[in-house]
Amino acid sequence: MFELSTGINDDSKYVIAVKGEVDIYSAPSFKESLYQSICDVNQDIVLDCSGLTYIDSMGLGILVGVLKRVREKGCNMIIRNPRNTVRKLFKITGLDKAFVIEEV
């Protein structure tokens, strides 16, 4: 199961913190929650993944969909502080080239 929380950071960026696991079972509610979180946001989004312990291909597909929606608004999505296992998955799938990934 996963948990999402939202807020504005010191740089006035919209931050969505993800905690827990995103898998085939939690993916539908993850997608709904994430899309609701970004629907009215017209600025760069930071997805804080420091608490994300697991994500599967369905979860990655959802993140790609969110990235497309955010870029349609002329903004970007930053993946912040992913754990090593999550970072490796981005690298293996080539998504490290599509997303901005940063450590803070």
Foldseek 3Di string as FASTA:
>chain_A
DKDWDWDADPVRAIEIEIAEEADPVCLVVVLVVVCVSCVPDLEEYEYEAQRYPYYDPSRVVSVVVVQVVNVVSVYGYEYENHDPVVVVVCVVVVVCVVHHYYYD
